[in-house]
Each structure stands twice: as structure tokens, then as C-alpha cells.
Amino acid sequence: MADWSDVGEAYAASFAVLCAGSVDAVLDEAAARTGGRVLLDVGTGPGTVVAAAVARGWDAAGVDAAESMIATARSRHPGLPFFVRALPRLGLEDETADAVTANFVLNHVPDARESAGELARVAKPGGVVVATIWHGVVSPLRPIWDAVLDAAGLDRPADKTLPPDKDFGRDADGVAAMFRDAGLADVRARIVAWDFAFTPDELWIGVEGGVATVGGIYRAQDAATRGRMAAAYRRVTDELAGSGGRVTVPHRAVLVSGRPS
């Protein structure tokens, strides 16, 4: 799993913009499935879901396992409540929130079913758990990173896989089944899609900051190899850039929701 221990600001300026593409859909689902107004966002990162929920009138708080993420969330959203808590044991009381959200979190834990069960534990009766997980096993950004690594003379990382007893399908049916296995009821799953548009400089902030697999690879290199990676990235993204110098990459995710049973 990726190391998120000190990448809060770099993540907020880069890959968090990608993950924000599903936030409206997550909050729409939460509002449609519960009449309550207390929301807990788990794996909140820089607090994007919490800030958007508060703007919609929710009483919202966020938790994250990484102190750097919580520090970034507090800095970017002063006055909103953020705390360090980690799945699969959040250390919160049962039935804490009407809606419990996890935007691109369950794809980062060793046991998604166990963690989904924990999300359900802290949801109130009649409440809802809403999560997103990337559709498919290969990121749409992967061709960019593969081209960069090839040009820099570095091996491509092996695909990350879970043990068979912990794995699940990364389509709507597979994610819904994982939620049901975790004990959630009235489960619904669908695909949400959006275009991630970024300037090369914006996304490179995340790589330089050590975010995700490619960021970890970059940090592990010497200065000369980092320079080759940066030059290759610039060449690849310049070829992909459209008007305004922005690169646009379509993304898809599974949005799943269910009720505590």
C-alpha cells in the first residue's frame, strides 16, 4: 500500500483534485438515502468531502489515518473538525453519523470487507454508508507513468493484488458483493464518470511530493534518474495536452451505498 505519512500538501495540490470528481455524486447519494444531517467522512485526506458537505448544510467531520492529511485539512478548512483515526478500528462510538462516506479509501486498505463493516458500525440505524472505489484494476493514468518509467530506464511496478480471500471485483457487481459480505443491507452500486483535466505542473507536484506508487518510485531515485523522469513526464504530457496546456483523462469509479443491518 502507498505511504501517505507525509504527503498531505502534495496530495491536496495534485491527486486530490482527481478524487474530487466523485464528491458531488457521493453527497447526492448520502442525501437521497438518509434524512439525517450528520456526516462522517473516513479517509478524508485534505477534507474535500467535509467542506463540500458543510456547504450543503451537513454537520460534518472528517478522520484520516495520516497526520499530514489531517494537518492539511485543518489548514485548508479552518474551523471544521478533523481527527486522526484509522481503519479498520476507528475508535468511535457505535451509531455516530447518519451518513458515513469513504471516497477512494477502501481500495487502500488490506481488507475492504472488514473496513466496510467498520463504516457500517458507526452509521446510525436508518443511515447510510457511501463509498467509491476505482473501476477496474488499472488506473487511466497508468499509461503516462509507464511511459515515464520506460523512458527513464526503470522497471514498471508489479500490479498490486490482494490475497484471494481479501480481493473483490472492481466493477459494480463485485463492489456491491463486497459490501453485502461486510454485512450491509439494501446495497446499491453504479458507475460514475468524469474527466480529470490537469496541467502537467499540477500533477507533477504529487509525484515530487511522493504521492502514490509513482511518487514513491520517484523519491527512491538519485538526482540524475529523477531528472530523467521529469524530462520524460514533460515530453509525454506535452504530447497529450490540448488547448490551454491541459491534459484530460477520463475516469470511472464504482459508487456503492448500503445501510447498516
C-alpha atoms as a PDB file:
ATOM      1  CA  MET A   1       0.000   0.000   0.000  1.00  0.00           C
ATOM      2  CA  ALA A   2       1.110   3.562  -0.667  1.00  0.00           C
ATOM      3  CA  ASP A   3       2.782   5.563   2.099  1.00  0.00           C
ATOM      4  CA  TRP A   4       0.640   8.607   2.937  1.00  0.00           C
ATOM      5  CA  SER A   5       2.562   9.643   6.074  1.00  0.00           C
ATOM      6  CA  ASP A   6       3.977  12.990   4.905  1.00  0.00           C
ATOM      7  CA  VAL A   7       2.306  13.847   1.620  1.00  0.00           C
ATOM      8  CA  GLY A   8      -0.730  15.872   2.711  1.00  0.00           C
ATOM      9  CA  GLU A   9       0.024  19.135   0.918  1.00  0.00           C
ATOM     10  CA  ALA A  10       1.413  17.465  -2.199  1.00  0.00           C
ATOM     11  CA  TYR A  11      -1.643  15.214  -2.421  1.00  0.00           C
ATOM     12  CA  ALA A  12      -4.040  18.124  -1.919  1.00  0.00           C
ATOM     13  CA  ALA A  13      -2.453  20.025  -4.805  1.00  0.00           C
ATOM     14  CA  SER A  14      -2.489  17.103  -7.227  1.00  0.00           C
ATOM     15  CA  PHE A  15      -4.234  13.752  -6.946  1.00  0.00           C
ATOM     16  CA  ALA A  16      -6.903  15.100  -4.572  1.00  0.00           C
ATOM     17  CA  VAL A  17      -8.218  17.142  -7.495  1.00  0.00           C
ATOM     18  CA  LEU A  18      -8.746  13.873  -9.374  1.00  0.00           C
ATOM     19  CA  CYS A  19     -10.567  12.275  -6.422  1.00  0.00           C
ATOM     20  CA  ALA A  20     -12.793  15.339  -6.047  1.00  0.00           C
ATOM     21  CA  GLY A  21     -14.519  14.351  -9.276  1.00  0.00           C
ATOM     22  CA  SER A  22     -16.864  12.000  -7.426  1.00  0.00           C
ATOM     23  CA  VAL A  23     -17.660  14.176  -4.401  1.00  0.00           C
ATOM     24  CA  ASP A  24     -20.961  15.577  -5.666  1.00  0.00           C
ATOM     25  CA  ALA A  25     -22.178  12.078  -6.534  1.00  0.00           C
ATOM     26  CA  VAL A  26     -21.190  10.809  -3.065  1.00  0.00           C
ATOM     27  CA  LEU A  27     -23.076  13.597  -1.312  1.00  0.00           C
ATOM     28  CA  ASP A  28     -26.083  13.274  -3.610  1.00  0.00           C
ATOM     29  CA  GLU A  29     -26.272   9.582  -2.706  1.00  0.00           C
ATOM     30  CA  ALA A  30     -25.956  10.320   1.009  1.00  0.00           C
ATOM     31  CA  ALA A  31     -28.696  12.947   0.895  1.00  0.00           C
ATOM     32  CA  ALA A  32     -31.021  10.686  -1.082  1.00  0.00           C
ATOM     33  CA  ARG A  33     -30.702   7.779   1.331  1.00  0.00           C
ATOM     34  CA  THR A  34     -30.986   9.406   4.758  1.00  0.00           C
ATOM     35  CA  GLY A  35     -32.995  12.174   6.302  1.00  0.00           C
ATOM     36  CA  GLY A  36     -30.318  12.939   8.883  1.00  0.00           C
ATOM     37  CA  ARG A  37     -27.735  15.686   8.596  1.00  0.00           C
ATOM     38  CA  VAL A  38     -24.690  14.331  10.491  1.00  0.00           C
ATOM     39  CA  LEU A  39     -21.898  13.111   8.217  1.00  0.00           C
ATOM     40  CA  LEU A  40     -18.589  11.436   8.976  1.00  0.00           C
ATOM     41  CA  ASP A  41     -16.008  11.269   6.178  1.00  0.00           C
ATOM     42  CA  VAL A  42     -13.459   8.500   6.665  1.00  0.00           C
ATOM     43  CA  GLY A  43     -10.116   8.795   4.890  1.00  0.00           C
ATOM     44  CA  THR A  44     -10.873  12.461   4.428  1.00  0.00           C
ATOM     45  CA  GLY A  45      -7.479  13.456   3.004  1.00  0.00           C
ATOM     46  CA  PRO A  46      -7.436  17.266   2.681  1.00  0.00           C
ATOM     47  CA  GLY A  47     -11.079  17.484   3.765  1.00  0.00           C
ATOM     48  CA  THR A  48     -12.725  17.918   0.375  1.00  0.00           C
ATOM     49  CA  VAL A  49     -15.849  15.888   1.192  1.00  0.00           C
ATOM     50  CA  VAL A  50     -16.302  17.530   4.584  1.00  0.00           C
ATOM     51  CA  ALA A  51     -16.062  21.061   3.177  1.00  0.00           C
ATOM     52  CA  ALA A  52     -18.499  20.239   0.382  1.00  0.00           C
ATOM     53  CA  ALA A  53     -20.911  18.610   2.846  1.00  0.00           C
ATOM     54  CA  VAL A  54     -20.850  21.617   5.168  1.00  0.00           C
ATOM     55  CA  ALA A  55     -21.580  23.863   2.186  1.00  0.00           C
ATOM     56  CA  ARG A  56     -24.684  21.725   1.600  1.00  0.00           C
ATOM     57  CA  GLY A  57     -25.838  22.101   5.199  1.00  0.00           C
ATOM     58  CA  TRP A  58     -24.472  18.921   6.776  1.00  0.00           C
ATOM     59  CA  ASP A  59     -22.923  18.800  10.234  1.00  0.00           C
ATOM     60  CA  ALA A  60     -19.749  17.093   9.030  1.00  0.00           C
ATOM     61  CA  ALA A  61     -16.418  15.894  10.403  1.00  0.00           C
ATOM     62  CA  GLY A  62     -13.507  14.027   8.855  1.00  0.00           C
ATOM     63  CA  VAL A  63     -10.987  11.441  10.013  1.00  0.00           C
ATOM     64  CA  ASP A  64      -7.835  10.129   8.359  1.00  0.00           C
ATOM     65  CA  ALA A  65      -5.050   7.755   9.319  1.00  0.00           C
ATOM     66  CA  ALA A  66      -2.285  10.151   8.217  1.00  0.00           C
ATOM     67  CA  GLU A  67      -1.406  13.090  10.439  1.00  0.00           C
ATOM     68  CA  SER A  68      -0.160  15.038   7.418  1.00  0.00           C
ATOM     69  CA  MET A  69      -3.605  14.741   5.808  1.00  0.00           C
ATOM     70  CA  ILE A  70      -5.340  15.979   8.937  1.00  0.00           C
ATOM     71  CA  ALA A  71      -2.903  18.878   9.220  1.00  0.00           C
ATOM     72  CA  THR A  72      -3.611  19.786   5.599  1.00  0.00           C
ATOM     73  CA  ALA A  73      -7.376  19.508   6.093  1.00  0.00           C
ATOM     74  CA  ARG A  74      -7.250  21.768   9.148  1.00  0.00           C
ATOM     75  CA  SER A  75      -5.098  24.291   7.308  1.00  0.00           C
ATOM     76  CA  ARG A  76      -7.336  24.395   4.242  1.00  0.00           C
ATOM     77  CA  HIS A  77     -10.637  24.333   6.151  1.00  0.00           C
ATOM     78  CA  PRO A  78     -10.114  26.150   9.460  1.00  0.00           C
ATOM     79  CA  GLY A  79     -12.889  25.688  11.957  1.00  0.00           C
ATOM     80  CA  LEU A  80     -14.042  22.339  10.605  1.00  0.00           C
ATOM     81  CA  PRO A  81     -13.471  19.214  12.748  1.00  0.00           C
ATOM     82  CA  PHE A  82     -10.772  16.768  11.609  1.00  0.00           C
ATOM     83  CA  PHE A  83      -9.210  13.981  13.671  1.00  0.00           C
ATOM     84  CA  VAL A  84      -6.657  11.202  13.278  1.00  0.00           C
ATOM     85  CA  ARG A  85      -8.397   7.829  13.140  1.00  0.00           C
ATOM     86  CA  ALA A  86      -7.506   4.700  11.178  1.00  0.00           C
ATOM     87  CA  LEU A  87      -9.436   1.828   9.657  1.00  0.00           C
ATOM     88  CA  PRO A  88     -10.282  -0.894  10.451  1.00  0.00           C
ATOM     89  CA  ARG A  89     -10.742   0.322  14.043  1.00  0.00           C
ATOM     90  CA  LEU A  90     -11.843   3.953  14.160  1.00  0.00           C
ATOM     91  CA  GLY A  91     -12.184   4.100  17.926  1.00  0.00           C
ATOM     92  CA  LEU A  92     -15.552   5.861  17.659  1.00  0.00           C
ATOM     93  CA  GLU A  93     -18.815   5.006  19.356  1.00  0.00           C
ATOM     94  CA  ASP A  94     -21.456   2.957  17.570  1.00  0.00           C
ATOM     95  CA  GLU A  95     -24.081   4.839  15.551  1.00  0.00           C
ATOM     96  CA  THR A  96     -22.136   8.089  15.270  1.00  0.00           C
ATOM     97  CA  ALA A  97     -23.394   9.546  11.962  1.00  0.00           C
ATOM     98  CA  ASP A  98     -26.376   9.477   9.634  1.00  0.00           C
ATOM     99  CA  ALA A  99     -24.061   9.206   6.632  1.00  0.00           C
ATOM    100  CA  VAL A 100     -20.580   7.687   6.632  1.00  0.00           C
ATOM    101  CA  THR A 101     -18.583   8.354   3.488  1.00  0.00           C
ATOM    102  CA  ALA A 102     -15.315   6.915   2.191  1.00  0.00           C
ATOM    103  CA  ASN A 103     -14.186   8.442  -1.095  1.00  0.00           C
ATOM    104  CA  PHE A 104     -11.435   6.222  -2.583  1.00  0.00           C
ATOM    105  CA  VAL A 105     -10.447   4.713   0.738  1.00  0.00           C
ATOM    106  CA  LEU A 106     -11.453   1.043   0.628  1.00  0.00           C
ATOM    107  CA  ASN A 107      -9.070   0.474  -2.284  1.00  0.00           C
ATOM    108  CA  HIS A 108      -6.171   1.341   0.063  1.00  0.00           C
ATOM    109  CA  VAL A 109      -6.919  -0.997   2.990  1.00  0.00           C
ATOM    110  CA  PRO A 110      -5.756  -4.611   3.384  1.00  0.00           C
ATOM    111  CA  ASP A 111      -9.297  -5.891   3.989  1.00  0.00           C
ATOM    112  CA  ALA A 112     -12.089  -3.880   2.361  1.00  0.00           C
ATOM    113  CA  ARG A 113     -14.837  -6.017   3.876  1.00  0.00           C
ATOM    114  CA  GLU A 114     -13.567  -5.524   7.416  1.00  0.00           C
ATOM    115  CA  SER A 115     -13.253  -1.777   6.877  1.00  0.00           C
ATOM    116  CA  ALA A 116     -16.681  -1.521   5.252  1.00  0.00           C
ATOM    117  CA  GLY A 117     -18.089  -3.286   8.296  1.00  0.00           C
ATOM    118  CA  GLU A 118     -16.470  -0.662  10.499  1.00  0.00           C
ATOM    119  CA  LEU A 119     -18.063   2.103   8.430  1.00  0.00           C
ATOM    120  CA  ALA A 120     -21.419   0.410   8.957  1.00  0.00           C
ATOM    121  CA  ARG A 121     -20.830   0.147  12.711  1.00  0.00           C
ATOM    122  CA  VAL A 122     -20.567   3.904  13.113  1.00  0.00           C
ATOM    123  CA  ALA A 123     -23.618   4.612  10.931  1.00  0.00           C
ATOM    124  CA  LYS A 124     -26.924   5.229  12.697  1.00  0.00           C
ATOM    125  CA  PRO A 125     -29.957   2.995  12.145  1.00  0.00           C
ATOM    126  CA  GLY A 126     -31.668   4.309   9.036  1.00  0.00           C
ATOM    127  CA  GLY A 127     -28.396   5.864   7.951  1.00  0.00           C
ATOM    128  CA  VAL A 128     -26.178   5.043   5.005  1.00  0.00           C
ATOM    129  CA  VAL A 129     -22.609   4.192   4.101  1.00  0.00           C
ATOM    130  CA  VAL A 130     -21.396   5.593   0.774  1.00  0.00           C
ATOM    131  CA  ALA A 131     -18.055   4.661  -0.765  1.00  0.00           C
ATOM    132  CA  THR A 132     -16.217   4.953  -4.056  1.00  0.00           C
ATOM    133  CA  ILE A 133     -13.635   2.574  -5.498  1.00  0.00           C
ATOM    134  CA  TRP A 134     -11.838   2.894  -8.808  1.00  0.00           C
ATOM    135  CA  HIS A 135     -13.462   0.913 -11.598  1.00  0.00           C
ATOM    136  CA  GLY A 136     -11.086  -1.762 -12.894  1.00  0.00           C
ATOM    137  CA  VAL A 137      -7.618  -2.629 -11.685  1.00  0.00           C
ATOM    138  CA  VAL A 138      -5.529  -0.347 -13.923  1.00  0.00           C
ATOM    139  CA  SER A 139      -5.548   3.422 -13.426  1.00  0.00           C
ATOM    140  CA  PRO A 140      -6.302   5.519 -16.542  1.00  0.00           C
ATOM    141  CA  LEU A 141      -3.136   7.455 -15.649  1.00  0.00           C
ATOM    142  CA  ARG A 142      -1.058   4.273 -15.802  1.00  0.00           C
ATOM    143  CA  PRO A 143      -0.017   4.725 -19.476  1.00  0.00           C
ATOM    144  CA  ILE A 144       1.566   8.064 -18.554  1.00  0.00           C
ATOM    145  CA  TRP A 145       3.533   6.572 -15.670  1.00  0.00           C
ATOM    146  CA  ASP A 146       4.579   3.528 -17.709  1.00  0.00           C
ATOM    147  CA  ALA A 147       5.915   5.783 -20.466  1.00  0.00           C
ATOM    148  CA  VAL A 148       7.840   7.857 -17.931  1.00  0.00           C
ATOM    149  CA  LEU A 149       9.394   4.812 -16.276  1.00  0.00           C
ATOM    150  CA  ASP A 150      10.306   3.254 -19.619  1.00  0.00           C
ATOM    151  CA  ALA A 151      11.996   6.456 -20.784  1.00  0.00           C
ATOM    152  CA  ALA A 152      13.906   6.730 -17.504  1.00  0.00           C
ATOM    153  CA  GLY A 153      15.096   3.112 -17.733  1.00  0.00           C
ATOM    154  CA  LEU A 154      13.166   1.971 -14.666  1.00  0.00           C
ATOM    155  CA  ASP A 155      11.176  -1.208 -14.171  1.00  0.00           C
ATOM    156  CA  ARG A 156       7.431  -0.893 -14.115  1.00  0.00           C
ATOM    157  CA  PRO A 157       5.973  -1.833 -10.719  1.00  0.00           C
ATOM    158  CA  ALA A 158       4.070  -5.074 -10.430  1.00  0.00           C
ATOM    159  CA  ASP A 159       0.308  -4.734 -10.220  1.00  0.00           C
ATOM    160  CA  LYS A 160      -0.829  -4.624  -6.613  1.00  0.00           C
ATOM    161  CA  THR A 161      -3.085  -7.507  -5.682  1.00  0.00           C
ATOM    162  CA  LEU A 162      -4.792  -8.645  -2.528  1.00  0.00           C
ATOM    163  CA  PRO A 163      -4.832 -12.215  -1.267  1.00  0.00           C
ATOM    164  CA  PRO A 164      -7.663 -14.161  -2.927  1.00  0.00           C
ATOM    165  CA  ASP A 165      -9.710 -14.248   0.275  1.00  0.00           C
ATOM    166  CA  LYS A 166      -9.496 -10.439   0.614  1.00  0.00           C
ATOM    167  CA  ASP A 167      -9.951  -9.479  -3.033  1.00  0.00           C
ATOM    168  CA  PHE A 168     -13.159  -8.463  -4.806  1.00  0.00           C
ATOM    169  CA  GLY A 169     -14.302  -7.453  -8.268  1.00  0.00           C
ATOM    170  CA  ARG A 170     -13.658  -3.845  -9.218  1.00  0.00           C
ATOM    171  CA  ASP A 171     -16.922  -3.472 -11.109  1.00  0.00           C
ATOM    172  CA  ALA A 172     -20.360  -2.546  -9.786  1.00  0.00           C
ATOM    173  CA  ASP A 173     -21.365  -6.162  -9.104  1.00  0.00           C
ATOM    174  CA  GLY A 174     -18.093  -7.003  -7.382  1.00  0.00           C
ATOM    175  CA  VAL A 175     -18.091  -3.932  -5.136  1.00  0.00           C
ATOM    176  CA  ALA A 176     -21.752  -4.453  -4.235  1.00  0.00           C
ATOM    177  CA  ALA A 177     -20.999  -8.054  -3.287  1.00  0.00           C
ATOM    178  CA  MET A 178     -18.114  -6.888  -1.101  1.00  0.00           C
ATOM    179  CA  PHE A 179     -20.492  -4.508   0.734  1.00  0.00           C
ATOM    180  CA  ARG A 180     -23.007  -7.301   1.290  1.00  0.00           C
ATOM    181  CA  ASP A 181     -20.263  -9.597   2.566  1.00  0.00           C
ATOM    182  CA  ALA A 182     -19.388  -6.846   5.059  1.00  0.00           C
ATOM    183  CA  GLY A 183     -22.917  -7.030   6.463  1.00  0.00           C
ATOM    184  CA  LEU A 184     -24.523  -4.032   4.756  1.00  0.00           C
ATOM    185  CA  ALA A 185     -28.105  -4.226   3.508  1.00  0.00           C
ATOM    186  CA  ASP A 186     -30.091  -2.613   0.693  1.00  0.00           C
ATOM    187  CA  VAL A 187     -26.872  -2.247  -1.287  1.00  0.00           C
ATOM    188  CA  ARG A 188     -26.805  -0.219  -4.497  1.00  0.00           C
ATOM    189  CA  ALA A 189     -23.860   0.239  -6.851  1.00  0.00           C
ATOM    190  CA  ARG A 190     -23.399   2.178 -10.071  1.00  0.00           C
ATOM    191  CA  ILE A 191     -20.691   3.699 -12.232  1.00  0.00           C
ATOM    192  CA  VAL A 192     -19.856   7.398 -12.050  1.00  0.00           C
ATOM    193  CA  ALA A 193     -17.613   9.022 -14.658  1.00  0.00           C
ATOM    194  CA  TRP A 194     -15.852  12.339 -15.106  1.00  0.00           C
ATOM    195  CA  ASP A 195     -12.937  13.891 -16.961  1.00  0.00           C
ATOM    196  CA  PHE A 196      -9.828  14.728 -14.944  1.00  0.00           C
ATOM    197  CA  ALA A 197      -8.261  17.813 -16.523  1.00  0.00           C
ATOM    198  CA  PHE A 198      -4.891  18.972 -15.221  1.00  0.00           C
ATOM    199  CA  THR A 199      -1.818  20.912 -16.197  1.00  0.00           C
ATOM    200  CA  PRO A 200       1.377  18.845 -16.186  1.00  0.00           C
ATOM    201  CA  ASP A 201       2.836  21.017 -13.422  1.00  0.00           C
ATOM    202  CA  GLU A 202      -0.158  20.397 -11.154  1.00  0.00           C
ATOM    203  CA  LEU A 203       0.053  16.630 -11.281  1.00  0.00           C
ATOM    204  CA  TRP A 204       3.847  16.608 -11.055  1.00  0.00           C
ATOM    205  CA  ILE A 205       3.568  18.268  -7.640  1.00  0.00           C
ATOM    206  CA  GLY A 206       2.171  14.983  -6.392  1.00  0.00           C
ATOM    207  CA  VAL A 207       4.960  12.922  -7.933  1.00  0.00           C
ATOM    208  CA  GLU A 208       7.674  15.167  -6.476  1.00  0.00           C
ATOM    209  CA  GLY A 209       5.859  15.019  -3.143  1.00  0.00           C
ATOM    210  CA  GLY A 210       5.939  11.231  -3.065  1.00  0.00           C
ATOM    211  CA  VAL A 211       2.242  10.616  -3.638  1.00  0.00           C
ATOM    212  CA  ALA A 212       1.059   7.168  -4.768  1.00  0.00           C
ATOM    213  CA  THR A 213       3.192   4.452  -6.347  1.00  0.00           C
ATOM    214  CA  VAL A 214       4.849   6.701  -8.913  1.00  0.00           C
ATOM    215  CA  GLY A 215       5.735   9.239  -6.228  1.00  0.00           C
ATOM    216  CA  GLY A 216       7.341   6.542  -4.116  1.00  0.00           C
ATOM    217  CA  ILE A 217       9.390   5.392  -7.099  1.00  0.00           C
ATOM    218  CA  TYR A 218      10.486   8.966  -7.816  1.00  0.00           C
ATOM    219  CA  ARG A 219      11.592   9.558  -4.228  1.00  0.00           C
ATOM    220  CA  ALA A 220      13.691   6.396  -4.245  1.00  0.00           C
ATOM    221  CA  GLN A 221      15.862   7.557  -7.180  1.00  0.00           C
ATOM    222  CA  ASP A 222      19.070   9.551  -7.318  1.00  0.00           C
ATOM    223  CA  ALA A 223      19.092  13.084  -8.734  1.00  0.00           C
ATOM    224  CA  ALA A 224      20.030  12.035 -12.262  1.00  0.00           C
ATOM    225  CA  THR A 225      17.234   9.487 -12.504  1.00  0.00           C
ATOM    226  CA  ARG A 226      14.729  11.950 -11.096  1.00  0.00           C
ATOM    227  CA  GLY A 227      15.798  14.354 -13.798  1.00  0.00           C
ATOM    228  CA  ARG A 228      15.167  11.728 -16.487  1.00  0.00           C
ATOM    229  CA  MET A 229      11.746  11.014 -15.037  1.00  0.00           C
ATOM    230  CA  ALA A 230      10.845  14.705 -15.014  1.00  0.00           C
ATOM    231  CA  ALA A 231      12.008  15.194 -18.605  1.00  0.00           C
ATOM    232  CA  ALA A 232      10.098  12.123 -19.790  1.00  0.00           C
ATOM    233  CA  TYR A 233       6.964  13.249 -17.980  1.00  0.00           C
ATOM    234  CA  ARG A 234       7.153  16.631 -19.660  1.00  0.00           C
ATOM    235  CA  ARG A 235       7.520  15.049 -23.104  1.00  0.00           C
ATOM    236  CA  VAL A 236       4.631  12.649 -22.572  1.00  0.00           C
ATOM    237  CA  THR A 237       2.218  15.208 -21.157  1.00  0.00           C
ATOM    238  CA  ASP A 238       3.142  17.852 -23.730  1.00  0.00           C
ATOM    239  CA  GLU A 239       2.085  15.393 -26.434  1.00  0.00           C
ATOM    240  CA  LEU A 240      -1.235  14.802 -24.678  1.00  0.00           C
ATOM    241  CA  ALA A 241      -2.003  18.421 -23.772  1.00  0.00           C
ATOM    242  CA  GLY A 242      -4.830  20.182 -25.537  1.00  0.00           C
ATOM    243  CA  SER A 243      -5.928  23.787 -25.542  1.00  0.00           C
ATOM    244  CA  GLY A 244      -4.682  25.757 -22.570  1.00  0.00           C
ATOM    245  CA  GLY A 245      -1.941  23.198 -21.992  1.00  0.00           C
ATOM    246  CA  ARG A 246      -4.245  20.879 -20.050  1.00  0.00           C
ATOM    247  CA  VAL A 247      -4.321  17.096 -20.255  1.00  0.00           C
ATOM    248  CA  THR A 248      -7.720  15.434 -19.975  1.00  0.00           C
ATOM    249  CA  VAL A 249      -8.054  11.803 -18.881  1.00  0.00           C
ATOM    250  CA  PRO A 250     -11.493  10.163 -18.454  1.00  0.00           C
ATOM    251  CA  HIS A 251     -12.003   8.314 -15.166  1.00  0.00           C
ATOM    252  CA  ARG A 252     -14.635   5.895 -13.882  1.00  0.00           C
ATOM    253  CA  ALA A 253     -15.446   4.728 -10.372  1.00  0.00           C
ATOM    254  CA  VAL A 254     -17.930   2.464  -8.663  1.00  0.00           C
ATOM    255  CA  LEU A 255     -20.176   4.338  -6.225  1.00  0.00           C
ATOM    256  CA  VAL A 256     -21.710   1.966  -3.704  1.00  0.00           C
ATOM    257  CA  SER A 257     -24.078   2.589  -0.826  1.00  0.00           C
ATOM    258  CA  GLY A 258     -25.712   0.417   1.784  1.00  0.00           C
ATOM    259  CA  ARG A 259     -27.440   0.519   5.140  1.00  0.00           C
ATOM    260  CA  PRO A 260     -26.219  -0.880   8.449  1.00  0.00           C
ATOM    261  CA  SER A 261     -28.094  -4.067   9.167  1.00  0.00           C
END
